[in-house]
C-alpha atoms as a PDB file:
ATOM      1  CA  MET A   1     124.832 150.288 189.853  1.00  0.00           C
ATOM      2  CA  ALA A   2     123.570 147.146 188.112  1.00  0.00           C
ATOM      3  CA  VAL A   3     120.534 149.050 186.829  1.00  0.00           C
ATOM      4  CA  LYS A   4     122.778 151.779 185.477  1.00  0.00           C
ATOM      5  CA  SER A   5     124.999 149.197 183.736  1.00  0.00           C
ATOM      6  CA  LYS A   6     121.951 147.546 182.122  1.00  0.00           C
ATOM      7  CA  LEU A   7     120.652 150.933 181.016  1.00  0.00           C
ATOM      8  CA  VAL A   8     123.972 151.773 179.342  1.00  0.00           C
ATOM      9  CA  SER A   9     123.992 148.392 177.582  1.00  0.00           C
ATOM     10  CA  LEU A  10     120.437 148.907 176.399  1.00  0.00           C
ATOM     11  CA  LEU A  11     121.239 152.376 175.067  1.00  0.00           C
ATOM     12  CA  PHE A  12     124.319 151.010 173.286  1.00  0.00           C
ATOM     13  CA  LEU A  13     122.226 148.246 171.707  1.00  0.00           C
ATOM     14  CA  VAL A  14     119.602 150.726 170.530  1.00  0.00           C
ATOM     15  CA  ALA A  15     122.280 153.006 169.055  1.00  0.00           C
ATOM     16  CA  THR A  16     123.890 150.062 167.234  1.00  0.00           C
ATOM     17  CA  LEU A  17     120.599 148.867 165.803  1.00  0.00           C
ATOM     18  CA  SER A  18     119.690 152.411 164.766  1.00  0.00           C
ATOM     19  CA  SER A  19     122.960 152.935 162.945  1.00  0.00           C
ATOM     20  CA  THR A  20     122.625 149.529 161.255  1.00  0.00           C
ATOM     21  CA  PHE A  21     119.092 150.268 160.095  1.00  0.00           C
ATOM     22  CA  ALA A  22     120.139 153.732 158.963  1.00  0.00           C
ATOM     23  CA  ALA A  23     123.039 152.321 156.939  1.00  0.00           C
ATOM     24  CA  SER A  24     120.743 149.663 155.487  1.00  0.00           C
ATOM     25  CA  PHE A  25     118.161 152.233 154.475  1.00  0.00           C
ATOM     26  CA  SER A  26     120.908 154.463 153.077  1.00  0.00           C
ATOM     27  CA  ASN A  27     122.289 151.621 150.905  1.00  0.00           C
ATOM     28  CA  SER A  28     118.781 150.712 149.851  1.00  0.00           C
ATOM     29  CA  ASP A  29     118.063 154.283 148.838  1.00  0.00           C
ATOM     30  CA  SER A  30     121.384 154.468 146.964  1.00  0.00           C
ATOM     31  CA  ASP A  31     120.667 151.219 145.084  1.00  0.00           C
ATOM     32  CA  SER A  32     117.176 152.442 144.280  1.00  0.00           C
ATOM     33  CA  ASP A  33     118.546 155.706 142.918  1.00  0.00           C
ATOM     34  CA  LEU A  34     121.058 153.891 140.701  1.00  0.00           C
ATOM     35  CA  LEU A  35     118.358 151.542 139.462  1.00  0.00           C
ATOM     36  CA  ASN A  36     115.998 154.398 138.640  1.00  0.00           C
ATOM     37  CA  GLU A  37     118.772 156.253 136.834  1.00  0.00           C
ATOM     38  CA  LEU A  38     119.581 153.182 134.716  1.00  0.00           C
ATOM     39  CA  VAL A  39     115.911 152.805 133.821  1.00  0.00           C
ATOM     40  CA  SER A  40     115.797 156.483 132.863  1.00  0.00           C
ATOM     41  CA  LEU A  41     118.915 156.204 130.681  1.00  0.00           C
ATOM     42  CA  ARG A  42     117.554 153.082 128.996  1.00  0.00           C
ATOM     43  CA  SER A  43     114.289 154.830 128.157  1.00  0.00           C
ATOM     44  CA  THR A  44     116.177 157.481 126.153  1.00  0.00           C
ATOM     45  CA  SER A  45     117.814 154.859 123.901  1.00  0.00           C
ATOM     46  CA  GLU A  46     115.968 153.499 120.874  1.00  0.00           C
ATOM     47  CA  SER A  47     117.143 149.930 121.414  1.00  0.00           C
ATOM     48  CA  GLY A  48     117.541 150.178 125.187  1.00  0.00           C
ATOM     49  CA  VAL A  49     121.371 150.128 125.085  1.00  0.00           C
ATOM     50  CA  ILE A  50     122.862 152.590 127.583  1.00  0.00           C
ATOM     51  CA  HIS A  51     125.983 154.486 126.505  1.00  0.00           C
ATOM     52  CA  LEU A  52     128.475 154.675 129.384  1.00  0.00           C
ATOM     53  CA  ASP A  53     131.884 156.233 129.849  1.00  0.00           C
ATOM     54  CA  ASP A  54     134.502 155.975 132.595  1.00  0.00           C
ATOM     55  CA  HIS A  55     132.326 157.996 134.961  1.00  0.00           C
ATOM     56  CA  GLY A  56     129.326 155.756 134.317  1.00  0.00           C
ATOM     57  CA  ILE A  57     131.342 152.563 134.893  1.00  0.00           C
ATOM     58  CA  SER A  58     132.600 153.983 138.168  1.00  0.00           C
ATOM     59  CA  LYS A  59     129.141 155.091 139.262  1.00  0.00           C
ATOM     60  CA  PHE A  60     127.190 151.946 138.419  1.00  0.00           C
ATOM     61  CA  LEU A  61     129.875 149.289 139.019  1.00  0.00           C
ATOM     62  CA  THR A  62     133.043 150.100 140.909  1.00  0.00           C
ATOM     63  CA  SER A  63     131.564 152.622 143.360  1.00  0.00           C
ATOM     64  CA  ALA A  64     128.235 150.842 143.831  1.00  0.00           C
ATOM     65  CA  SER A  65     127.956 148.531 146.821  1.00  0.00           C
ATOM     66  CA  THR A  66     127.662 144.775 146.224  1.00  0.00           C
ATOM     67  CA  PRO A  67     125.468 142.927 145.733  1.00  0.00           C
ATOM     68  CA  ARG A  68     123.928 145.332 143.241  1.00  0.00           C
ATOM     69  CA  PRO A  69     120.239 144.918 142.368  1.00  0.00           C
ATOM     70  CA  TYR A  70     121.116 144.623 138.664  1.00  0.00           C
ATOM     71  CA  SER A  71     123.486 143.045 136.166  1.00  0.00           C
ATOM     72  CA  LEU A  72     125.178 144.837 133.278  1.00  0.00           C
ATOM     73  CA  LEU A  73     125.982 143.335 129.883  1.00  0.00           C
ATOM     74  CA  VAL A  74     128.691 145.580 128.411  1.00  0.00           C
ATOM     75  CA  PHE A  75     129.584 145.807 124.719  1.00  0.00           C
ATOM     76  CA  PHE A  76     133.092 147.176 124.092  1.00  0.00           C
ATOM     77  CA  ASP A  77     133.401 149.221 120.914  1.00  0.00           C
ATOM     78  CA  ALA A  78     136.032 151.275 119.079  1.00  0.00           C
ATOM     79  CA  THR A  79     134.959 153.661 116.331  1.00  0.00           C
ATOM     80  CA  GLN A  80     138.396 153.684 114.713  1.00  0.00           C
ATOM     81  CA  LEU A  81     138.119 149.923 114.071  1.00  0.00           C
ATOM     82  CA  HIS A  82     134.771 150.023 112.257  1.00  0.00           C
ATOM     83  CA  SER A  83     136.595 150.051 108.922  1.00  0.00           C
ATOM     84  CA  LYS A  84     138.016 146.567 109.634  1.00  0.00           C
ATOM     85  CA  ASN A  85     135.236 144.378 108.273  1.00  0.00           C
ATOM     86  CA  GLU A  86     136.771 141.187 109.635  1.00  0.00           C
ATOM     87  CA  LEU A  87     135.986 142.350 113.205  1.00  0.00           C
ATOM     88  CA  ARG A  88     132.266 142.824 112.369  1.00  0.00           C
ATOM     89  CA  LEU A  89     131.914 145.397 115.142  1.00  0.00           C
ATOM     90  CA  GLN A  90     129.034 147.297 113.559  1.00  0.00           C
ATOM     91  CA  GLU A  91     127.132 144.112 112.753  1.00  0.00           C
ATOM     92  CA  LEU A  92     127.618 142.736 116.262  1.00  0.00           C
ATOM     93  CA  ARG A  93     126.579 146.081 117.761  1.00  0.00           C
ATOM     94  CA  ARG A  94     123.320 145.978 115.770  1.00  0.00           C
ATOM     95  CA  GLU A  95     122.651 142.427 116.939  1.00  0.00           C
ATOM     96  CA  PHE A  96     123.463 143.460 120.521  1.00  0.00           C
ATOM     97  CA  GLY A  97     120.842 146.217 120.213  1.00  0.00           C
ATOM     98  CA  ILE A  98     118.300 143.703 118.880  1.00  0.00           C
ATOM     99  CA  VAL A  99     118.839 141.470 121.932  1.00  0.00           C
ATOM    100  CA  SER A 100     118.439 144.500 124.206  1.00  0.00           C
ATOM    101  CA  ALA A 101     115.212 145.608 122.517  1.00  0.00           C
ATOM    102  CA  SER A 102     113.834 142.051 122.597  1.00  0.00           C
ATOM    103  CA  PHE A 103     114.618 141.658 126.304  1.00  0.00           C
ATOM    104  CA  LEU A 104     112.953 144.963 127.079  1.00  0.00           C
ATOM    105  CA  ALA A 105     109.873 144.119 124.990  1.00  0.00           C
ATOM    106  CA  ASN A 106     109.465 140.674 126.581  1.00  0.00           C
ATOM    107  CA  ASN A 107     110.163 141.756 130.189  1.00  0.00           C
ATOM    108  CA  ASN A 108     108.022 144.728 131.144  1.00  0.00           C
ATOM    109  CA  GLY A 109     107.812 143.936 134.878  1.00  0.00           C
ATOM    110  CA  SER A 110     110.405 143.694 137.621  1.00  0.00           C
ATOM    111  CA  GLU A 111     112.443 141.206 135.585  1.00  0.00           C
ATOM    112  CA  GLY A 112     113.247 144.005 133.151  1.00  0.00           C
ATOM    113  CA  THR A 113     115.179 145.926 135.819  1.00  0.00           C
ATOM    114  CA  LYS A 114     117.499 143.030 136.667  1.00  0.00           C
ATOM    115  CA  LEU A 115     119.593 143.340 133.503  1.00  0.00           C
ATOM    116  CA  PHE A 116     120.743 146.373 131.532  1.00  0.00           C
ATOM    117  CA  PHE A 117     122.554 146.410 128.196  1.00  0.00           C
ATOM    118  CA  CYS A 118     125.379 148.953 127.964  1.00  0.00           C
ATOM    119  CA  GLU A 119     128.142 149.982 125.569  1.00  0.00           C
ATOM    120  CA  ILE A 120     131.412 151.819 126.083  1.00  0.00           C
ATOM    121  CA  GLU A 121     133.602 153.328 123.367  1.00  0.00           C
ATOM    122  CA  PHE A 122     137.398 153.136 123.539  1.00  0.00           C
ATOM    123  CA  SER A 123     138.153 156.811 122.860  1.00  0.00           C
ATOM    124  CA  GLN A 124     135.848 157.850 125.717  1.00  0.00           C
ATOM    125  CA  SER A 125     136.538 155.011 128.151  1.00  0.00           C
ATOM    126  CA  GLN A 126     140.169 153.937 127.962  1.00  0.00           C
ATOM    127  CA  SER A 127     140.376 153.552 131.736  1.00  0.00           C
ATOM    128  CA  SER A 128     137.386 151.207 131.687  1.00  0.00           C
ATOM    129  CA  PHE A 129     139.023 149.084 128.966  1.00  0.00           C
ATOM    130  CA  GLN A 130     142.070 148.738 131.247  1.00  0.00           C
ATOM    131  CA  LEU A 131     139.847 148.060 134.256  1.00  0.00           C
ATOM    132  CA  PHE A 132     138.242 145.102 132.462  1.00  0.00           C
ATOM    133  CA  GLY A 133     141.539 144.032 130.885  1.00  0.00           C
ATOM    134  CA  VAL A 134     140.166 144.296 127.351  1.00  0.00           C
ATOM    135  CA  ASN A 135     142.900 144.304 124.699  1.00  0.00           C
ATOM    136  CA  ALA A 136     141.066 142.860 121.672  1.00  0.00           C
ATOM    137  CA  LEU A 137     137.695 143.318 120.007  1.00  0.00           C
ATOM    138  CA  PRO A 138     134.954 142.189 119.653  1.00  0.00           C
ATOM    139  CA  HIS A 139     134.434 141.841 123.394  1.00  0.00           C
ATOM    140  CA  ILE A 140     131.295 141.541 125.556  1.00  0.00           C
ATOM    141  CA  ARG A 141     131.274 141.159 129.342  1.00  0.00           C
ATOM    142  CA  LEU A 142     128.525 140.250 131.809  1.00  0.00           C
ATOM    143  CA  VAL A 143     128.894 141.861 135.237  1.00  0.00           C
ATOM    144  CA  SER A 144     126.732 140.049 137.797  1.00  0.00           C
ATOM    145  CA  PRO A 145     125.390 141.767 140.964  1.00  0.00           C
ATOM    146  CA  SER A 146     127.966 140.288 143.336  1.00  0.00           C
ATOM    147  CA  ILE A 147     131.075 140.837 141.191  1.00  0.00           C
ATOM    148  CA  SER A 148     133.594 143.397 142.430  1.00  0.00           C
ATOM    149  CA  ASN A 149     136.736 142.374 140.488  1.00  0.00           C
ATOM    150  CA  LEU A 150     135.755 143.328 136.940  1.00  0.00           C
ATOM    151  CA  ARG A 151     138.924 142.001 135.300  1.00  0.00           C
ATOM    152  CA  ASP A 152     138.898 138.450 136.644  1.00  0.00           C
ATOM    153  CA  GLU A 153     135.357 137.709 137.783  1.00  0.00           C
ATOM    154  CA  SER A 154     133.105 139.136 135.051  1.00  0.00           C
ATOM    155  CA  GLY A 155     131.915 136.654 132.428  1.00  0.00           C
ATOM    156  CA  GLN A 156     133.267 137.070 128.900  1.00  0.00           C
ATOM    157  CA  MET A 157     131.211 136.088 125.869  1.00  0.00           C
ATOM    158  CA  ASP A 158     133.178 133.620 123.720  1.00  0.00           C
ATOM    159  CA  GLN A 159     133.508 133.780 119.949  1.00  0.00           C
ATOM    160  CA  SER A 160     131.082 130.853 119.664  1.00  0.00           C
ATOM    161  CA  ASP A 161     128.424 133.035 121.273  1.00  0.00           C
ATOM    162  CA  TYR A 162     128.600 135.332 118.215  1.00  0.00           C
ATOM    163  CA  SER A 163     128.033 132.500 115.725  1.00  0.00           C
ATOM    164  CA  ARG A 164     124.272 132.978 115.403  1.00  0.00           C
ATOM    165  CA  LEU A 165     124.426 136.663 116.311  1.00  0.00           C
ATOM    166  CA  ALA A 166     121.410 137.832 118.351  1.00  0.00           C
ATOM    167  CA  GLU A 167     120.083 134.314 118.963  1.00  0.00           C
ATOM    168  CA  SER A 168     123.342 132.992 120.411  1.00  0.00           C
ATOM    169  CA  MET A 169     123.850 136.185 122.429  1.00  0.00           C
ATOM    170  CA  ALA A 170     120.409 135.673 123.965  1.00  0.00           C
ATOM    171  CA  GLU A 171     121.328 132.088 124.885  1.00  0.00           C
ATOM    172  CA  PHE A 172     124.468 133.357 126.642  1.00  0.00           C
ATOM    173  CA  VAL A 173     122.394 135.841 128.668  1.00  0.00           C
ATOM    174  CA  GLU A 174     119.814 133.229 129.649  1.00  0.00           C
ATOM    175  CA  GLN A 175     122.470 130.712 130.718  1.00  0.00           C
ATOM    176  CA  ARG A 176     124.471 133.175 132.810  1.00  0.00           C
ATOM    177  CA  THR A 177     121.705 135.301 134.352  1.00  0.00           C
ATOM    178  CA  LYS A 178     118.834 132.769 134.494  1.00  0.00           C
ATOM    179  CA  LEU A 179     116.643 135.501 133.011  1.00  0.00           C
ATOM    180  CA  LYS A 180     114.389 134.935 130.022  1.00  0.00           C
ATOM    181  CA  VAL A 181     115.216 137.103 127.017  1.00  0.00           C
ATOM    182  CA  GLY A 182     112.221 135.851 125.053  1.00  0.00           C
ATOM    183  CA  PRO A 183     111.712 135.693 121.279  1.00  0.00           C
ATOM    184  CA  ILE A 184     114.118 137.808 119.228  1.00  0.00           C
ATOM    185  CA  GLN A 185     112.154 140.643 117.645  1.00  0.00           C
ATOM    186  CA  ARG A 186     113.961 141.908 114.572  1.00  0.00           C
ATOM    187  CA  PRO A 187     112.820 145.135 112.937  1.00  0.00           C
ATOM    188  CA  PRO A 188     110.941 144.661 109.635  1.00  0.00           C
ATOM    189  CA  LEU A 189     112.868 145.201 106.412  1.00  0.00           C
ATOM    190  CA  LEU A 190     110.246 147.663 105.167  1.00  0.00           C
ATOM    191  CA  SER A 191     108.149 150.178 107.085  1.00  0.00           C
ATOM    192  CA  LYS A 192     104.372 150.352 106.668  1.00  0.00           C
ATOM    193  CA  PRO A 193     104.511 153.448 104.393  1.00  0.00           C
ATOM    194  CA  GLN A 194     107.077 151.730 102.166  1.00  0.00           C
ATOM    195  CA  ILE A 195     104.926 148.601 101.946  1.00  0.00           C
ATOM    196  CA  GLY A 196     101.918 150.771 101.043  1.00  0.00           C
ATOM    197  CA  VAL A 197     103.823 152.478  98.216  1.00  0.00           C
ATOM    198  CA  ILE A 198     105.043 149.142  96.844  1.00  0.00           C
ATOM    199  CA  VAL A 199     101.530 147.644  96.915  1.00  0.00           C
ATOM    200  CA  ALA A 200     100.127 150.716  95.125  1.00  0.00           C
ATOM    201  CA  LEU A 201     102.792 150.476  92.405  1.00  0.00           C
ATOM    202  CA  ILE A 202     102.091 146.766  91.922  1.00  0.00           C
ATOM    203  CA  VAL A 203      98.347 147.406  91.574  1.00  0.00           C
ATOM    204  CA  ILE A 204      98.931 150.177  89.015  1.00  0.00           C
ATOM    205  CA  ALA A 205     101.476 148.184  86.995  1.00  0.00           C
ATOM    206  CA  THR A 206      99.594 144.867  86.962  1.00  0.00           C
ATOM    207  CA  PRO A 207      97.341 145.598  83.910  1.00  0.00           C
ATOM    208  CA  PHE A 208     100.310 146.794  81.834  1.00  0.00           C
ATOM    209  CA  VAL A 209     102.403 143.769  82.817  1.00  0.00           C
ATOM    210  CA  ILE A 210      99.602 141.333  81.948  1.00  0.00           C
ATOM    211  CA  LYS A 211      99.184 142.978  78.531  1.00  0.00           C
ATOM    212  CA  ARG A 212     102.902 142.640  77.734  1.00  0.00           C
ATOM    213  CA  VAL A 213     103.013 139.039  78.960  1.00  0.00           C
ATOM    214  CA  LEU A 214     100.154 138.081  76.660  1.00  0.00           C
ATOM    215  CA  LYS A 215     101.919 139.742  73.712  1.00  0.00           C
ATOM    216  CA  GLY A 216     105.281 138.153  74.576  1.00  0.00           C
ATOM    217  CA  GLU A 217     107.028 141.517  74.843  1.00  0.00           C
ATOM    218  CA  THR A 218     108.505 141.233  78.344  1.00  0.00           C
ATOM    219  CA  ILE A 219     112.191 141.080  79.135  1.00  0.00           C
ATOM    220  CA  LEU A 220     111.729 137.436  80.153  1.00  0.00           C
ATOM    221  CA  HIS A 221     111.006 136.607  76.517  1.00  0.00           C
ATOM    222  CA  ASP A 222     114.389 137.960  75.411  1.00  0.00           C
ATOM    223  CA  SER A 223     116.859 135.137  74.770  1.00  0.00           C
ATOM    224  CA  ARG A 224     119.794 137.500  75.290  1.00  0.00           C
ATOM    225  CA  LEU A 225     118.779 137.894  78.936  1.00  0.00           C
ATOM    226  CA  TRP A 226     118.904 134.152  79.534  1.00  0.00           C
ATOM    227  CA  LEU A 227     122.227 133.876  77.711  1.00  0.00           C
ATOM    228  CA  SER A 228     123.746 136.626  79.846  1.00  0.00           C
ATOM    229  CA  GLY A 229     122.301 135.052  82.987  1.00  0.00           C
ATOM    230  CA  ALA A 230     123.758 131.662  82.141  1.00  0.00           C
ATOM    231  CA  ILE A 231     127.209 133.163  81.559  1.00  0.00           C
ATOM    232  CA  PHE A 232     127.001 135.108  84.834  1.00  0.00           C
ATOM    233  CA  ILE A 233     125.997 132.027  86.836  1.00  0.00           C
ATOM    234  CA  TYR A 234     128.802 130.024  85.229  1.00  0.00           C
ATOM    235  CA  PHE A 235     131.351 132.724  86.071  1.00  0.00           C
ATOM    236  CA  PHE A 236     129.887 133.090  89.596  1.00  0.00           C
ATOM    237  CA  SER A 237     130.336 129.357  90.165  1.00  0.00           C
ATOM    238  CA  VAL A 238     133.837 128.774  88.781  1.00  0.00           C
ATOM    239  CA  ALA A 239     135.265 131.981  90.313  1.00  0.00           C
ATOM    240  CA  GLY A 240     134.567 130.777  93.865  1.00  0.00           C
ATOM    241  CA  THR A 241     132.408 133.844  94.534  1.00  0.00           C
ATOM    242  CA  MET A 242     130.258 132.015  97.086  1.00  0.00           C
ATOM    243  CA  HIS A 243     133.407 131.080  99.015  1.00  0.00           C
ATOM    244  CA  ASN A 244     134.478 134.737  99.027  1.00  0.00           C
ATOM    245  CA  ILE A 245     131.058 135.866 100.283  1.00  0.00           C
ATOM    246  CA  ILE A 246     130.828 133.263 103.059  1.00  0.00           C
ATOM    247  CA  ARG A 247     134.406 133.758 104.238  1.00  0.00           C
ATOM    248  CA  LYS A 248     134.265 137.542 103.620  1.00  0.00           C
ATOM    249  CA  MET A 249     137.530 137.336 101.692  1.00  0.00           C
ATOM    250  CA  PRO A 250     139.132 140.635 100.604  1.00  0.00           C
ATOM    251  CA  MET A 251     139.856 141.363  96.953  1.00  0.00           C
ATOM    252  CA  PHE A 252     143.540 141.928  97.737  1.00  0.00           C
ATOM    253  CA  LEU A 253     145.991 142.352 100.614  1.00  0.00           C
ATOM    254  CA  GLN A 254     148.690 144.858 101.416  1.00  0.00           C
ATOM    255  CA  ASP A 255     152.228 143.576 101.005  1.00  0.00           C
ATOM    256  CA  ARG A 256     153.864 143.231 104.443  1.00  0.00           C
ATOM    257  CA  ASN A 257     157.320 143.960 103.083  1.00  0.00           C
ATOM    258  CA  ASP A 258     156.251 146.929 100.949  1.00  0.00           C
ATOM    259  CA  PRO A 259     153.057 148.751 102.068  1.00  0.00           C
ATOM    260  CA  ASN A 260     152.878 150.498  98.682  1.00  0.00           C
ATOM    261  CA  LYS A 261     152.315 147.191  96.877  1.00  0.00           C
ATOM    262  CA  LEU A 262     149.162 145.090  96.748  1.00  0.00           C
ATOM    263  CA  VAL A 263     148.981 141.286  96.749  1.00  0.00           C
ATOM    264  CA  PHE A 264     146.359 139.851  94.382  1.00  0.00           C
ATOM    265  CA  PHE A 265     147.503 136.213  94.458  1.00  0.00           C
ATOM    266  CA  TYR A 266     148.160 134.516  97.807  1.00  0.00           C
ATOM    267  CA  GLN A 267     150.626 131.628  97.819  1.00  0.00           C
ATOM    268  CA  GLY A 268     149.222 128.833  99.955  1.00  0.00           C
ATOM    269  CA  SER A 269     146.330 126.396  99.746  1.00  0.00           C
ATOM    270  CA  GLY A 270     144.519 127.693 102.830  1.00  0.00           C
ATOM    271  CA  MET A 271     143.397 131.028 101.406  1.00  0.00           C
ATOM    272  CA  GLN A 272     142.080 132.499  98.155  1.00  0.00           C
ATOM    273  CA  LEU A 273     141.693 136.224  97.525  1.00  0.00           C
ATOM    274  CA  GLY A 274     138.762 137.696  95.620  1.00  0.00           C
ATOM    275  CA  ALA A 275     140.852 138.966  92.704  1.00  0.00           C
ATOM    276  CA  GLU A 276     142.498 135.561  92.389  1.00  0.00           C
ATOM    277  CA  GLY A 277     139.133 133.831  92.125  1.00  0.00           C
ATOM    278  CA  PHE A 278     137.899 136.306  89.522  1.00  0.00           C
ATOM    279  CA  ALA A 279     141.057 135.803  87.444  1.00  0.00           C
ATOM    280  CA  VAL A 280     140.634 132.022  87.410  1.00  0.00           C
ATOM    281  CA  GLY A 281     136.906 132.388  86.784  1.00  0.00           C
ATOM    282  CA  PHE A 282     137.620 134.625  83.800  1.00  0.00           C
ATOM    283  CA  LEU A 283     139.961 132.025  82.281  1.00  0.00           C
ATOM    284  CA  TYR A 284     137.403 129.254  82.794  1.00  0.00           C
ATOM    285  CA  THR A 285     134.684 131.434  81.261  1.00  0.00           C
ATOM    286  CA  VAL A 286     136.834 132.147  78.194  1.00  0.00           C
ATOM    287  CA  VAL A 287     137.314 128.410  77.623  1.00  0.00           C
ATOM    288  CA  GLY A 288     133.598 127.746  78.123  1.00  0.00           C
ATOM    289  CA  LEU A 289     132.544 130.501  75.707  1.00  0.00           C
ATOM    290  CA  LEU A 290     134.998 129.282  73.084  1.00  0.00           C
ATOM    291  CA  LEU A 291     133.659 125.752  73.433  1.00  0.00           C
ATOM    292  CA  ALA A 292     130.084 127.016  73.048  1.00  0.00           C
ATOM    293  CA  PHE A 293     131.114 129.101  70.029  1.00  0.00           C
ATOM    294  CA  VAL A 294     132.865 126.206  68.320  1.00  0.00           C
ATOM    295  CA  THR A 295     130.025 123.717  68.849  1.00  0.00           C
ATOM    296  CA  ASN A 296     127.110 126.061  68.070  1.00  0.00           C
ATOM    297  CA  VAL A 297     128.353 128.816  65.746  1.00  0.00           C
ATOM    298  CA  LEU A 298     131.536 127.699  64.017  1.00  0.00           C
ATOM    299  CA  VAL A 299     129.937 124.526  62.645  1.00  0.00           C
ATOM    300  CA  ARG A 300     127.565 126.727  60.632  1.00  0.00           C
ATOM    301  CA  VAL A 301     130.423 128.517  58.814  1.00  0.00           C
ATOM    302  CA  LYS A 302     130.567 127.295  55.210  1.00  0.00           C
ATOM    303  CA  ASN A 303     134.092 128.495  54.448  1.00  0.00           C
ATOM    304  CA  LEU A 304     136.286 125.521  55.384  1.00  0.00           C
ATOM    305  CA  THR A 305     139.508 127.571  55.575  1.00  0.00           C
ATOM    306  CA  ALA A 306     138.012 130.172  57.903  1.00  0.00           C
ATOM    307  CA  GLN A 307     136.489 127.386  59.982  1.00  0.00           C
ATOM    308  CA  ARG A 308     139.885 125.698  60.434  1.00  0.00           C
ATOM    309  CA  LEU A 309     141.717 128.931  61.252  1.00  0.00           C
ATOM    310  CA  ILE A 310     139.148 129.925  63.864  1.00  0.00           C
ATOM    311  CA  MET A 311     139.249 126.396  65.310  1.00  0.00           C
ATOM    312  CA  LEU A 312     143.038 126.546  65.664  1.00  0.00           C
ATOM    313  CA  LEU A 313     142.821 129.990  67.290  1.00  0.00           C
ATOM    314  CA  ALA A 314     140.165 128.738  69.750  1.00  0.00           C
ATOM    315  CA  LEU A 315     142.305 125.700  70.616  1.00  0.00           C
ATOM    316  CA  PHE A 316     145.387 127.892  71.135  1.00  0.00           C
ATOM    317  CA  ILE A 317     143.554 130.332  73.463  1.00  0.00           C
ATOM    318  CA  SER A 318     141.938 127.452  75.376  1.00  0.00           C
ATOM    319  CA  PHE A 319     145.296 125.710  75.806  1.00  0.00           C
ATOM    320  CA  TRP A 320     146.870 128.973  77.041  1.00  0.00           C
ATOM    321  CA  ALA A 321     144.052 129.583  79.541  1.00  0.00           C
ATOM    322  CA  VAL A 322     144.169 126.039  80.942  1.00  0.00           C
ATOM    323  CA  LYS A 323     147.966 126.248  81.173  1.00  0.00           C
ATOM    324  CA  LYS A 324     147.681 129.432  83.275  1.00  0.00           C
ATOM    325  CA  VAL A 325     145.198 127.790  85.640  1.00  0.00           C
ATOM    326  CA  VAL A 326     147.423 124.721  86.048  1.00  0.00           C
ATOM    327  CA  TYR A 327     150.463 126.956  86.652  1.00  0.00           C
ATOM    328  CA  LEU A 328     148.589 128.950  89.325  1.00  0.00           C
ATOM    329  CA  ASP A 329     147.438 125.756  91.054  1.00  0.00           C
ATOM    330  CA  ASN A 330     151.009 124.438  91.109  1.00  0.00           C
ATOM    331  CA  TRP A 331     152.318 127.786  92.443  1.00  0.00           C
ATOM    332  CA  LYS A 332     149.731 127.888  95.233  1.00  0.00           C
ATOM    333  CA  THR A 333     149.666 124.272  96.380  1.00  0.00           C
ATOM    334  CA  GLY A 334     152.915 122.771  95.120  1.00  0.00           C
ATOM    335  CA  TYR A 335     151.045 119.924  93.415  1.00  0.00           C
ATOM    336  CA  GLY A 336     151.942 119.271  89.790  1.00  0.00           C
ATOM    337  CA  ILE A 337     149.721 117.964  87.009  1.00  0.00           C
ATOM    338  CA  HIS A 338     151.474 115.591  84.613  1.00  0.00           C
ATOM    339  CA  PRO A 339     150.113 114.040  81.408  1.00  0.00           C
ATOM    340  CA  TYR A 340     150.001 110.264  81.105  1.00  0.00           C
ATOM    341  CA  TRP A 341     150.273 108.963  77.544  1.00  0.00           C
ATOM    342  CA  PRO A 342     148.571 105.712  76.491  1.00  0.00           C
ATOM    343  CA  SER A 343     150.891 102.740  76.797  1.00  0.00           C
ATOM    344  CA  SER A 344     150.471 101.946  73.085  1.00  0.00           C
ATOM    345  CA  TRP A 345     152.044 105.319  72.246  1.00  0.00           C
ATOM    346  CA  ARG A 346     155.278 104.574  74.024  1.00  0.00           C
END
């Protein structure tokens, strides 16, 4: 009876171990299949970014057993928002692809299968957006192997991680995954055929250019070019164009109270629209050109009456332009500019 009891216990132990090993091998095979499928999908993408939908998120994340043998870095996109330049979705997506391609190029071994770069689009993956709790873009999430609660446990990339685009994204990946992305490999601006064509054109044009330079017949010898360039740089500077480029300021805004109207001048010192800067730059340029005309051209006029009339007209236009600029500054900021007469005049 004791022998029979031991035999039953032994058989039960063998059956338990067999089922455990079978389940382990089954999970291992399943993980291996998912990993191979991700590698296959990545190989079909030019930058290595895998396009997923709700089915793909379910297959590779929610339905896959944890811990998974891979991490996913997911870029959330929405085609209908590409027209909103302030979101920079297309630019960030390009930089995301550059990080993916750089990681793939610098990690050819087993390290390259530990992280996969993916993207999901809102119109095709609304359930996945809800699953992650994404309600604003741009948005990038890192899903580590052991994470099961995608909404609360996955790591979100902060706005500061977009500051230097691909470089700062790579730093985020290296800090969170402990994997090495490697040097960022950006595609060249020109392809080899384009460079060859440009070099050939330069070689052909060089003798003709040298001949014209020696004769002084190039466009660089034309004083009108330098005059136009000086005026353009002056206008570019006083119109705040560099501010508009850096801040990506729009030329105008839509009126909130009346969508059919456009706002070209924004009241408030914290913001300047593009059209507003160009208007002020135009007024400054008019005053500068009149000053240059009076000091370099008008002094050569021999008719004293014509000289005085033109001088008065130039002073009147300059006074009007400066008055408009002062009025706009007072309207925007609330600060007034008052004249102070010499004490001897009082």
